[in-house]
N, C-alpha and C. Protein backbone atom coordinates (compact mmCIF):
# COMPACT_ATOMS: atom_id res chain seq x y z
N MET A 1 18.37 -5.29 -29.68
CA MET A 1 18.92 -5.22 -28.33
C MET A 1 18.34 -4.01 -27.62
N ASN A 2 17.90 -4.21 -26.37
CA ASN A 2 17.33 -3.12 -25.60
C ASN A 2 18.42 -2.26 -24.98
N TYR A 3 18.22 -0.97 -25.02
CA TYR A 3 19.15 -0.03 -24.39
C TYR A 3 18.99 -0.12 -22.88
N ILE A 4 20.07 -0.21 -22.18
CA ILE A 4 20.05 -0.22 -20.71
C ILE A 4 20.79 1.01 -20.21
N LYS A 5 20.11 1.80 -19.40
CA LYS A 5 20.74 2.97 -18.80
C LYS A 5 21.89 2.52 -17.91
N ALA A 6 23.01 3.17 -18.00
CA ALA A 6 24.19 2.78 -17.21
C ALA A 6 23.88 2.84 -15.73
N GLN A 7 24.35 1.83 -15.02
CA GLN A 7 24.14 1.78 -13.59
C GLN A 7 25.23 2.57 -12.87
N PRO A 8 24.82 3.43 -11.94
CA PRO A 8 25.84 4.09 -11.12
C PRO A 8 26.50 3.06 -10.20
N ALA A 9 27.75 3.27 -9.89
CA ALA A 9 28.51 2.29 -9.11
C ALA A 9 28.14 2.31 -7.64
N GLU A 10 28.28 1.14 -7.01
CA GLU A 10 28.03 1.00 -5.57
C GLU A 10 28.96 1.95 -4.82
N GLY A 11 28.44 2.58 -3.77
CA GLY A 11 29.22 3.51 -2.98
C GLY A 11 29.19 4.93 -3.53
N ARG A 12 28.72 5.07 -4.74
CA ARG A 12 28.69 6.39 -5.38
C ARG A 12 27.59 7.26 -4.77
N ILE A 13 27.88 8.53 -4.71
CA ILE A 13 26.90 9.52 -4.26
C ILE A 13 26.24 10.09 -5.50
N ILE A 14 24.91 10.14 -5.50
CA ILE A 14 24.20 10.75 -6.62
C ILE A 14 23.40 11.95 -6.13
N GLN A 15 23.17 12.87 -7.02
CA GLN A 15 22.37 14.06 -6.72
C GLN A 15 21.00 13.87 -7.35
N VAL A 16 19.97 14.10 -6.58
CA VAL A 16 18.60 13.89 -7.04
C VAL A 16 17.88 15.23 -7.09
N GLN A 17 17.35 15.54 -8.27
CA GLN A 17 16.58 16.77 -8.44
C GLN A 17 15.16 16.54 -7.93
N ASN A 18 14.69 17.38 -7.05
CA ASN A 18 13.34 17.28 -6.53
C ASN A 18 12.44 18.32 -7.19
N ALA A 19 11.28 18.53 -6.64
CA ALA A 19 10.33 19.47 -7.21
C ALA A 19 10.96 20.87 -7.31
N GLU A 20 10.44 21.64 -8.24
CA GLU A 20 10.97 23.00 -8.45
C GLU A 20 10.94 23.78 -7.14
N GLY A 21 12.07 24.39 -6.82
CA GLY A 21 12.18 25.16 -5.60
C GLY A 21 12.66 24.35 -4.40
N GLU A 22 12.67 23.03 -4.54
CA GLU A 22 13.14 22.17 -3.46
C GLU A 22 14.64 21.90 -3.65
N PRO A 23 15.37 21.73 -2.55
CA PRO A 23 16.80 21.48 -2.69
C PRO A 23 17.11 20.12 -3.32
N VAL A 24 18.27 20.03 -3.93
CA VAL A 24 18.76 18.77 -4.47
C VAL A 24 19.10 17.85 -3.31
N THR A 25 18.82 16.56 -3.45
CA THR A 25 19.08 15.58 -2.40
C THR A 25 20.33 14.79 -2.73
N THR A 26 21.13 14.50 -1.72
CA THR A 26 22.30 13.65 -1.87
C THR A 26 21.94 12.25 -1.38
N VAL A 27 22.18 11.25 -2.24
CA VAL A 27 21.82 9.86 -1.95
C VAL A 27 23.03 8.98 -2.22
N GLN A 28 23.28 8.01 -1.34
CA GLN A 28 24.37 7.08 -1.55
C GLN A 28 23.83 5.73 -2.01
N ILE A 29 24.51 5.13 -2.99
CA ILE A 29 24.17 3.78 -3.42
C ILE A 29 24.90 2.82 -2.50
N VAL A 30 24.14 2.11 -1.66
CA VAL A 30 24.70 1.20 -0.67
C VAL A 30 24.94 -0.17 -1.30
N VAL A 31 23.96 -0.67 -2.04
CA VAL A 31 24.07 -1.94 -2.76
C VAL A 31 23.54 -1.73 -4.17
N GLN A 32 24.36 -2.03 -5.17
CA GLN A 32 23.93 -1.91 -6.56
C GLN A 32 23.31 -3.23 -7.00
N ASN A 33 22.12 -3.17 -7.61
CA ASN A 33 21.54 -4.44 -8.08
C ASN A 33 22.38 -4.99 -9.23
N GLN A 34 22.19 -6.25 -9.53
CA GLN A 34 22.98 -6.92 -10.56
C GLN A 34 22.15 -7.23 -11.81
N VAL A 35 21.13 -6.44 -12.05
CA VAL A 35 20.26 -6.64 -13.21
C VAL A 35 21.03 -6.24 -14.47
N ASN A 36 21.17 -7.19 -15.41
CA ASN A 36 21.90 -6.90 -16.65
C ASN A 36 20.99 -6.96 -17.86
N TYR A 37 19.70 -6.73 -17.65
CA TYR A 37 18.71 -6.68 -18.72
C TYR A 37 17.83 -5.45 -18.49
N GLU A 38 17.04 -5.09 -19.49
CA GLU A 38 16.12 -3.97 -19.30
C GLU A 38 14.91 -4.49 -18.54
N PRO A 39 14.74 -4.08 -17.30
CA PRO A 39 13.61 -4.57 -16.51
C PRO A 39 12.28 -4.10 -17.11
N LYS A 40 11.27 -4.95 -17.03
CA LYS A 40 9.95 -4.52 -17.45
C LYS A 40 9.40 -3.50 -16.46
N VAL A 41 9.69 -3.73 -15.17
CA VAL A 41 9.19 -2.85 -14.11
C VAL A 41 10.29 -2.56 -13.11
N SER A 42 10.42 -1.31 -12.73
CA SER A 42 11.26 -0.91 -11.60
C SER A 42 10.32 -0.68 -10.42
N VAL A 43 10.48 -1.49 -9.37
CA VAL A 43 9.66 -1.33 -8.17
C VAL A 43 10.43 -0.46 -7.19
N ILE A 44 9.85 0.66 -6.83
CA ILE A 44 10.50 1.65 -5.97
C ILE A 44 9.85 1.61 -4.59
N ILE A 45 10.69 1.35 -3.57
CA ILE A 45 10.17 1.19 -2.21
C ILE A 45 10.89 2.14 -1.26
N PRO A 46 10.24 3.25 -0.84
CA PRO A 46 10.82 4.08 0.21
C PRO A 46 10.67 3.36 1.55
N VAL A 47 11.72 3.38 2.36
CA VAL A 47 11.73 2.62 3.61
C VAL A 47 12.13 3.54 4.76
N HIS A 48 11.29 3.62 5.78
CA HIS A 48 11.64 4.38 6.99
C HIS A 48 11.06 3.66 8.20
N ASN A 49 11.93 3.04 8.99
CA ASN A 49 11.55 2.39 10.25
C ASN A 49 10.35 1.44 10.10
N THR A 50 10.47 0.53 9.15
CA THR A 50 9.37 -0.41 8.91
C THR A 50 9.83 -1.86 9.10
N GLU A 51 10.72 -2.07 10.05
CA GLU A 51 11.27 -3.42 10.26
C GLU A 51 10.18 -4.47 10.49
N LYS A 52 9.07 -4.08 11.08
CA LYS A 52 8.00 -5.03 11.39
C LYS A 52 7.36 -5.60 10.12
N TYR A 53 7.30 -4.81 9.06
CA TYR A 53 6.59 -5.21 7.84
C TYR A 53 7.50 -5.45 6.64
N LEU A 54 8.74 -5.05 6.74
CA LEU A 54 9.62 -4.99 5.57
C LEU A 54 9.85 -6.35 4.91
N LYS A 55 10.03 -7.39 5.69
CA LYS A 55 10.28 -8.71 5.09
C LYS A 55 9.07 -9.19 4.29
N GLN A 56 7.88 -8.98 4.81
CA GLN A 56 6.69 -9.38 4.06
C GLN A 56 6.58 -8.58 2.77
N CYS A 57 6.88 -7.29 2.85
CA CYS A 57 6.87 -6.44 1.66
C CYS A 57 7.84 -6.97 0.61
N LEU A 58 9.08 -7.19 1.01
CA LEU A 58 10.11 -7.66 0.08
C LEU A 58 9.80 -9.05 -0.45
N ASP A 59 9.30 -9.94 0.40
CA ASP A 59 8.92 -11.29 -0.07
C ASP A 59 7.85 -11.20 -1.15
N SER A 60 6.91 -10.26 -0.99
CA SER A 60 5.85 -10.14 -1.99
C SER A 60 6.38 -9.67 -3.34
N ILE A 61 7.50 -8.97 -3.33
CA ILE A 61 8.08 -8.49 -4.59
C ILE A 61 8.99 -9.55 -5.21
N ILE A 62 9.85 -10.15 -4.43
CA ILE A 62 10.78 -11.12 -5.02
C ILE A 62 10.06 -12.38 -5.50
N ASN A 63 8.85 -12.61 -4.99
CA ASN A 63 8.08 -13.78 -5.42
C ASN A 63 7.02 -13.46 -6.46
N GLN A 64 7.11 -12.30 -7.08
CA GLN A 64 6.18 -11.96 -8.16
C GLN A 64 6.31 -12.94 -9.32
N THR A 65 5.20 -13.21 -10.00
CA THR A 65 5.27 -14.08 -11.17
C THR A 65 6.02 -13.40 -12.32
N LEU A 66 6.00 -12.09 -12.38
CA LEU A 66 6.82 -11.35 -13.35
C LEU A 66 8.22 -11.25 -12.76
N LYS A 67 9.18 -11.86 -13.41
CA LYS A 67 10.54 -11.93 -12.87
C LYS A 67 11.46 -10.84 -13.41
N GLU A 68 11.14 -10.25 -14.57
CA GLU A 68 12.02 -9.27 -15.21
C GLU A 68 11.82 -7.89 -14.58
N ILE A 69 12.19 -7.80 -13.31
CA ILE A 69 12.01 -6.55 -12.56
C ILE A 69 13.32 -6.19 -11.88
N GLU A 70 13.39 -4.93 -11.46
CA GLU A 70 14.43 -4.51 -10.52
C GLU A 70 13.72 -3.92 -9.32
N ILE A 71 14.34 -4.05 -8.17
CA ILE A 71 13.74 -3.61 -6.92
C ILE A 71 14.67 -2.57 -6.31
N ILE A 72 14.18 -1.34 -6.21
CA ILE A 72 15.01 -0.24 -5.71
C ILE A 72 14.45 0.20 -4.36
N CYS A 73 15.21 -0.07 -3.32
CA CYS A 73 14.81 0.27 -1.95
C CYS A 73 15.60 1.49 -1.50
N ILE A 74 14.91 2.48 -0.98
CA ILE A 74 15.57 3.70 -0.53
C ILE A 74 15.39 3.83 0.97
N ASP A 75 16.46 3.62 1.72
CA ASP A 75 16.39 3.80 3.16
C ASP A 75 16.37 5.29 3.45
N ASP A 76 15.29 5.73 4.07
CA ASP A 76 15.06 7.15 4.32
C ASP A 76 15.42 7.50 5.76
N GLY A 77 16.68 7.24 6.12
CA GLY A 77 17.17 7.59 7.44
C GLY A 77 16.60 6.75 8.57
N SER A 78 16.39 5.47 8.32
CA SER A 78 15.83 4.59 9.36
C SER A 78 16.76 4.51 10.57
N THR A 79 16.14 4.39 11.75
CA THR A 79 16.90 4.20 12.99
C THR A 79 16.67 2.82 13.59
N ASP A 80 15.86 2.00 12.93
CA ASP A 80 15.64 0.63 13.38
C ASP A 80 16.50 -0.31 12.52
N SER A 81 16.12 -1.57 12.39
CA SER A 81 16.94 -2.52 11.62
C SER A 81 16.55 -2.60 10.15
N SER A 82 15.81 -1.63 9.65
CA SER A 82 15.37 -1.67 8.25
C SER A 82 16.53 -1.78 7.26
N LEU A 83 17.58 -1.00 7.45
CA LEU A 83 18.71 -1.04 6.52
C LEU A 83 19.39 -2.41 6.55
N SER A 84 19.51 -3.02 7.70
CA SER A 84 20.10 -4.36 7.80
C SER A 84 19.26 -5.38 7.05
N ILE A 85 17.95 -5.26 7.16
CA ILE A 85 17.05 -6.17 6.43
C ILE A 85 17.22 -5.97 4.93
N LEU A 86 17.33 -4.73 4.49
CA LEU A 86 17.53 -4.47 3.06
C LEU A 86 18.83 -5.09 2.57
N ARG A 87 19.90 -4.95 3.33
CA ARG A 87 21.19 -5.56 2.94
C ARG A 87 21.07 -7.08 2.88
N GLU A 88 20.39 -7.66 3.85
CA GLU A 88 20.20 -9.12 3.89
C GLU A 88 19.47 -9.60 2.63
N TYR A 89 18.40 -8.92 2.26
CA TYR A 89 17.63 -9.32 1.09
C TYR A 89 18.40 -9.07 -0.21
N ALA A 90 19.20 -8.00 -0.24
CA ALA A 90 20.01 -7.73 -1.43
C ALA A 90 21.05 -8.82 -1.66
N GLN A 91 21.53 -9.44 -0.59
CA GLN A 91 22.47 -10.56 -0.72
C GLN A 91 21.79 -11.79 -1.30
N LYS A 92 20.49 -11.94 -1.02
CA LYS A 92 19.74 -13.11 -1.48
C LYS A 92 19.22 -12.95 -2.91
N ASP A 93 18.91 -11.72 -3.32
CA ASP A 93 18.29 -11.50 -4.62
C ASP A 93 19.04 -10.39 -5.36
N PRO A 94 19.69 -10.72 -6.48
CA PRO A 94 20.51 -9.73 -7.20
C PRO A 94 19.69 -8.62 -7.87
N ARG A 95 18.38 -8.74 -7.86
CA ARG A 95 17.54 -7.69 -8.46
C ARG A 95 17.35 -6.51 -7.51
N ILE A 96 17.77 -6.67 -6.25
CA ILE A 96 17.56 -5.63 -5.24
C ILE A 96 18.75 -4.69 -5.17
N GLY A 97 18.47 -3.40 -5.25
CA GLY A 97 19.46 -2.36 -5.02
C GLY A 97 19.01 -1.53 -3.82
N VAL A 98 19.97 -0.98 -3.09
CA VAL A 98 19.65 -0.21 -1.89
C VAL A 98 20.32 1.16 -1.97
N LEU A 99 19.54 2.20 -1.80
CA LEU A 99 20.02 3.57 -1.70
C LEU A 99 19.80 4.03 -0.27
N GLN A 100 20.55 5.06 0.14
CA GLN A 100 20.38 5.58 1.49
C GLN A 100 20.46 7.10 1.46
N GLN A 101 19.55 7.72 2.20
CA GLN A 101 19.55 9.18 2.33
C GLN A 101 19.14 9.52 3.75
N LYS A 102 19.38 10.77 4.14
CA LYS A 102 18.87 11.20 5.45
C LYS A 102 17.36 11.27 5.36
N ASN A 103 16.69 11.33 6.51
CA ASN A 103 15.23 11.29 6.53
C ASN A 103 14.63 12.54 5.91
N LEU A 104 14.13 12.37 4.68
CA LEU A 104 13.50 13.46 3.95
C LEU A 104 12.10 13.09 3.49
N HIS A 105 11.61 11.94 3.91
CA HIS A 105 10.25 11.45 3.67
C HIS A 105 10.10 10.77 2.31
N ALA A 106 8.94 10.11 2.16
CA ALA A 106 8.71 9.18 1.06
C ALA A 106 8.82 9.81 -0.33
N GLY A 107 8.29 11.01 -0.51
CA GLY A 107 8.32 11.64 -1.83
C GLY A 107 9.73 11.85 -2.35
N VAL A 108 10.61 12.32 -1.49
CA VAL A 108 12.01 12.55 -1.87
C VAL A 108 12.69 11.21 -2.12
N ALA A 109 12.39 10.20 -1.28
CA ALA A 109 12.96 8.87 -1.49
C ALA A 109 12.51 8.29 -2.82
N ARG A 110 11.25 8.47 -3.17
CA ARG A 110 10.75 7.99 -4.47
C ARG A 110 11.51 8.67 -5.61
N ASN A 111 11.75 9.96 -5.49
CA ASN A 111 12.52 10.67 -6.53
C ASN A 111 13.90 10.05 -6.70
N ALA A 112 14.52 9.67 -5.60
CA ALA A 112 15.84 9.03 -5.67
C ALA A 112 15.75 7.71 -6.43
N GLY A 113 14.72 6.92 -6.14
CA GLY A 113 14.53 5.66 -6.85
C GLY A 113 14.29 5.86 -8.32
N ILE A 114 13.50 6.87 -8.67
CA ILE A 114 13.22 7.16 -10.07
C ILE A 114 14.50 7.55 -10.81
N THR A 115 15.40 8.26 -10.12
CA THR A 115 16.65 8.70 -10.74
C THR A 115 17.48 7.54 -11.26
N VAL A 116 17.49 6.41 -10.56
CA VAL A 116 18.31 5.28 -10.98
C VAL A 116 17.51 4.18 -11.67
N ALA A 117 16.19 4.31 -11.73
CA ALA A 117 15.34 3.27 -12.32
C ALA A 117 15.63 3.09 -13.80
N ARG A 118 15.61 1.82 -14.25
CA ARG A 118 15.87 1.51 -15.66
C ARG A 118 14.73 0.76 -16.31
N GLY A 119 13.64 0.50 -15.58
CA GLY A 119 12.53 -0.28 -16.12
C GLY A 119 11.69 0.49 -17.12
N LYS A 120 10.97 -0.26 -17.94
CA LYS A 120 10.02 0.34 -18.88
C LYS A 120 8.90 1.03 -18.12
N TYR A 121 8.48 0.40 -17.02
CA TYR A 121 7.43 0.95 -16.17
C TYR A 121 7.95 1.12 -14.75
N LEU A 122 7.31 2.01 -14.00
CA LEU A 122 7.62 2.22 -12.59
C LEU A 122 6.44 1.76 -11.75
N SER A 123 6.73 1.16 -10.62
CA SER A 123 5.70 0.80 -9.65
C SER A 123 6.21 1.24 -8.29
N VAL A 124 5.35 1.87 -7.51
CA VAL A 124 5.75 2.37 -6.20
C VAL A 124 5.00 1.57 -5.14
N LEU A 125 5.73 1.11 -4.15
CA LEU A 125 5.14 0.34 -3.06
C LEU A 125 5.69 0.88 -1.74
N ASP A 126 4.81 1.11 -0.77
CA ASP A 126 5.27 1.51 0.55
C ASP A 126 5.77 0.27 1.29
N ALA A 127 6.74 0.45 2.16
CA ALA A 127 7.42 -0.66 2.82
C ALA A 127 6.55 -1.39 3.84
N ASP A 128 5.40 -0.84 4.18
CA ASP A 128 4.49 -1.56 5.09
C ASP A 128 3.30 -2.15 4.33
N ASP A 129 3.44 -2.25 3.02
CA ASP A 129 2.41 -2.83 2.16
C ASP A 129 2.98 -4.02 1.41
N PHE A 130 2.13 -4.75 0.71
CA PHE A 130 2.60 -5.87 -0.09
C PHE A 130 1.71 -6.05 -1.31
N PHE A 131 2.26 -6.70 -2.33
CA PHE A 131 1.55 -6.96 -3.58
C PHE A 131 1.08 -8.41 -3.62
N GLU A 132 -0.06 -8.64 -4.27
CA GLU A 132 -0.46 -10.01 -4.61
C GLU A 132 0.55 -10.55 -5.61
N ALA A 133 0.72 -11.87 -5.65
CA ALA A 133 1.80 -12.50 -6.41
C ALA A 133 1.77 -12.19 -7.91
N ARG A 134 0.60 -11.99 -8.51
CA ARG A 134 0.52 -11.76 -9.96
C ARG A 134 0.34 -10.28 -10.31
N MET A 135 0.38 -9.40 -9.34
CA MET A 135 0.03 -8.02 -9.60
C MET A 135 0.84 -7.38 -10.71
N LEU A 136 2.16 -7.46 -10.63
CA LEU A 136 2.99 -6.79 -11.65
C LEU A 136 2.79 -7.41 -13.03
N GLU A 137 2.62 -8.71 -13.08
CA GLU A 137 2.38 -9.38 -14.36
C GLU A 137 1.08 -8.90 -15.00
N VAL A 138 0.02 -8.85 -14.20
CA VAL A 138 -1.29 -8.43 -14.70
C VAL A 138 -1.25 -6.96 -15.13
N MET A 139 -0.64 -6.11 -14.30
CA MET A 139 -0.57 -4.68 -14.62
C MET A 139 0.26 -4.43 -15.88
N CYS A 140 1.38 -5.12 -15.99
CA CYS A 140 2.25 -4.96 -17.16
C CYS A 140 1.53 -5.43 -18.42
N HIS A 141 0.84 -6.55 -18.33
CA HIS A 141 0.08 -7.07 -19.47
C HIS A 141 -0.97 -6.05 -19.91
N GLN A 142 -1.67 -5.46 -18.94
CA GLN A 142 -2.72 -4.49 -19.28
C GLN A 142 -2.12 -3.25 -19.94
N ALA A 143 -0.99 -2.81 -19.44
CA ALA A 143 -0.33 -1.64 -20.04
C ALA A 143 0.06 -1.93 -21.48
N GLU A 144 0.60 -3.12 -21.74
CA GLU A 144 1.00 -3.49 -23.10
C GLU A 144 -0.22 -3.62 -24.00
N LYS A 145 -1.26 -4.24 -23.50
CA LYS A 145 -2.49 -4.46 -24.28
C LYS A 145 -3.12 -3.14 -24.71
N ASP A 146 -3.20 -2.18 -23.78
CA ASP A 146 -3.84 -0.90 -24.07
C ASP A 146 -2.89 0.17 -24.59
N GLY A 147 -1.58 -0.11 -24.57
CA GLY A 147 -0.61 0.92 -24.94
C GLY A 147 -0.66 2.07 -23.96
N SER A 148 -0.85 1.76 -22.68
CA SER A 148 -1.04 2.78 -21.65
C SER A 148 0.28 3.26 -21.06
N ASP A 149 0.30 4.52 -20.67
CA ASP A 149 1.42 5.06 -19.91
C ASP A 149 1.25 4.79 -18.42
N VAL A 150 -0.01 4.71 -17.98
CA VAL A 150 -0.32 4.52 -16.57
C VAL A 150 -1.40 3.45 -16.45
N VAL A 151 -1.22 2.54 -15.51
CA VAL A 151 -2.23 1.54 -15.20
C VAL A 151 -2.48 1.62 -13.70
N MET A 152 -3.74 1.59 -13.30
CA MET A 152 -4.10 1.70 -11.90
C MET A 152 -5.00 0.55 -11.50
N CYS A 153 -4.98 0.22 -10.22
CA CYS A 153 -5.87 -0.84 -9.72
C CYS A 153 -6.34 -0.47 -8.32
N THR A 154 -7.35 -1.19 -7.87
CA THR A 154 -7.83 -0.98 -6.51
C THR A 154 -6.87 -1.66 -5.54
N ASN A 155 -7.09 -1.43 -4.25
CA ASN A 155 -6.27 -2.12 -3.25
C ASN A 155 -7.12 -2.50 -2.06
N SER A 156 -6.60 -3.42 -1.28
CA SER A 156 -7.28 -3.86 -0.07
C SER A 156 -6.55 -3.30 1.14
N VAL A 157 -7.32 -2.95 2.16
CA VAL A 157 -6.74 -2.52 3.42
C VAL A 157 -6.69 -3.74 4.32
N TYR A 158 -5.50 -4.04 4.81
CA TYR A 158 -5.27 -5.23 5.62
C TYR A 158 -5.09 -4.81 7.07
N ASP A 159 -5.87 -5.42 7.95
CA ASP A 159 -5.77 -5.14 9.38
C ASP A 159 -4.79 -6.14 9.99
N ASP A 160 -3.66 -5.63 10.43
CA ASP A 160 -2.59 -6.49 10.95
C ASP A 160 -3.02 -7.24 12.22
N SER A 161 -3.80 -6.61 13.07
CA SER A 161 -4.21 -7.27 14.31
C SER A 161 -5.24 -8.37 14.04
N LEU A 162 -6.12 -8.17 13.05
CA LEU A 162 -7.13 -9.17 12.70
C LEU A 162 -6.60 -10.20 11.70
N LYS A 163 -5.47 -9.87 11.06
CA LYS A 163 -4.87 -10.74 10.03
C LYS A 163 -5.85 -11.01 8.89
N GLN A 164 -6.52 -9.94 8.44
CA GLN A 164 -7.46 -10.10 7.32
C GLN A 164 -7.67 -8.77 6.62
N HIS A 165 -8.17 -8.87 5.38
CA HIS A 165 -8.53 -7.69 4.61
C HIS A 165 -9.85 -7.16 5.16
N VAL A 166 -9.90 -5.87 5.44
CA VAL A 166 -11.11 -5.31 6.06
C VAL A 166 -11.92 -4.44 5.10
N ARG A 167 -11.30 -3.94 4.06
CA ARG A 167 -12.05 -3.18 3.06
C ARG A 167 -11.20 -3.03 1.81
N GLU A 168 -11.85 -2.69 0.73
CA GLU A 168 -11.16 -2.47 -0.53
C GLU A 168 -11.41 -1.03 -0.96
N THR A 169 -10.34 -0.34 -1.34
CA THR A 169 -10.53 1.01 -1.86
C THR A 169 -10.75 0.89 -3.36
N LYS A 170 -11.72 1.63 -3.85
CA LYS A 170 -12.09 1.55 -5.26
C LYS A 170 -12.13 2.96 -5.85
N PHE A 171 -12.03 3.00 -7.16
CA PHE A 171 -12.17 4.27 -7.86
C PHE A 171 -13.66 4.57 -8.01
N ALA A 172 -13.97 5.85 -8.09
CA ALA A 172 -15.36 6.24 -8.32
C ALA A 172 -15.84 5.63 -9.63
N ASN A 173 -17.11 5.22 -9.66
CA ASN A 173 -17.68 4.55 -10.84
C ASN A 173 -17.50 5.35 -12.12
N LYS A 174 -17.54 6.68 -12.01
CA LYS A 174 -17.43 7.48 -13.23
C LYS A 174 -16.06 7.29 -13.90
N TYR A 175 -15.01 6.94 -13.13
CA TYR A 175 -13.70 6.71 -13.72
C TYR A 175 -13.58 5.30 -14.28
N LEU A 176 -14.28 4.35 -13.67
CA LEU A 176 -14.22 2.98 -14.14
C LEU A 176 -14.86 2.82 -15.52
N LYS A 177 -15.77 3.73 -15.86
CA LYS A 177 -16.45 3.66 -17.15
C LYS A 177 -15.55 4.13 -18.29
N ILE A 178 -14.43 4.77 -17.96
CA ILE A 178 -13.51 5.32 -18.96
C ILE A 178 -12.23 4.50 -18.94
N SER A 179 -12.12 3.53 -19.82
CA SER A 179 -10.92 2.70 -19.82
C SER A 179 -10.60 2.27 -21.24
N PRO A 180 -9.43 2.56 -21.76
CA PRO A 180 -8.43 3.45 -21.17
C PRO A 180 -8.89 4.91 -21.23
N PHE A 181 -8.28 5.76 -20.39
CA PHE A 181 -8.67 7.16 -20.35
C PHE A 181 -7.49 8.07 -20.67
N GLN A 182 -7.82 9.27 -21.06
CA GLN A 182 -6.85 10.33 -21.32
C GLN A 182 -6.83 11.26 -20.11
N PRO A 183 -5.75 12.00 -19.89
CA PRO A 183 -5.71 12.91 -18.73
C PRO A 183 -6.90 13.86 -18.65
N LEU A 184 -7.38 14.35 -19.79
CA LEU A 184 -8.52 15.28 -19.76
C LEU A 184 -9.81 14.60 -19.30
N ASP A 185 -9.90 13.27 -19.49
CA ASP A 185 -11.09 12.54 -19.07
C ASP A 185 -11.26 12.57 -17.56
N VAL A 186 -10.17 12.70 -16.83
CA VAL A 186 -10.22 12.67 -15.36
C VAL A 186 -9.59 13.94 -14.77
N SER A 187 -9.69 15.03 -15.50
CA SER A 187 -9.01 16.27 -15.09
C SER A 187 -9.44 16.77 -13.72
N ASP A 188 -10.67 16.45 -13.32
CA ASP A 188 -11.14 16.90 -12.00
C ASP A 188 -10.48 16.12 -10.86
N ALA A 189 -9.82 15.01 -11.18
CA ALA A 189 -9.22 14.19 -10.13
C ALA A 189 -7.86 13.63 -10.54
N LEU A 190 -7.19 14.29 -11.46
CA LEU A 190 -5.94 13.76 -12.00
C LEU A 190 -4.92 13.45 -10.91
N TYR A 191 -4.83 14.30 -9.89
CA TYR A 191 -3.83 14.11 -8.84
C TYR A 191 -4.39 13.44 -7.59
N THR A 192 -5.66 13.16 -7.57
CA THR A 192 -6.26 12.55 -6.38
C THR A 192 -6.97 11.23 -6.68
N ILE A 193 -7.01 10.80 -7.93
CA ILE A 193 -7.77 9.62 -8.31
C ILE A 193 -7.33 8.38 -7.54
N SER A 194 -6.06 8.29 -7.20
CA SER A 194 -5.57 7.09 -6.51
C SER A 194 -5.31 7.34 -5.02
N ASN A 195 -5.73 8.47 -4.51
CA ASN A 195 -5.51 8.83 -3.11
C ASN A 195 -6.09 7.74 -2.21
N PRO A 196 -5.38 7.25 -1.19
CA PRO A 196 -4.15 7.79 -0.64
C PRO A 196 -2.88 7.11 -1.16
N ASN A 197 -2.97 6.37 -2.25
CA ASN A 197 -1.81 5.62 -2.76
C ASN A 197 -1.01 6.43 -3.74
N ALA A 198 0.29 6.13 -3.76
CA ALA A 198 1.17 6.82 -4.72
C ALA A 198 0.87 6.33 -6.12
């Protein structure tokens, strides 16, 4: 039997520890997900005023071929209808949980999501982005195959006005030759290898 970290109750206020020297953040659990298994992946989505893109983002996650996931959305002080959209989707899919905090930006919101995450792996997605339908399945399979702590992939930049992919961001060839790699193998770019993505 897999151990499942206890879920904090809906309506509960949690304290989130941020980077050293940064203040603790207070976050409220608005909707608790109903996941009663150990998720393979916890998808963490910071949300701030992204009503235009949020439904496409959420649809791309709830329709993943990998179903054993939890979806943690953190409303980062939105002033548009983003929180209403999150509540609507949480009613439709029990894997969705919603947290709310004042506007402290994506990094702090991600920390809040990590605090309550119960998945074996974490995946971070911005609310104005979306995943291909098999992405989590493929990434999870690769992590299991290689025994990896971290799996990375390229991404496409989508032009909303043209309704098409306009370019693909790729890793430098020298990193592609090292797979799987150790942190020392990429020490010159450990914190920037996936820039600008989390």
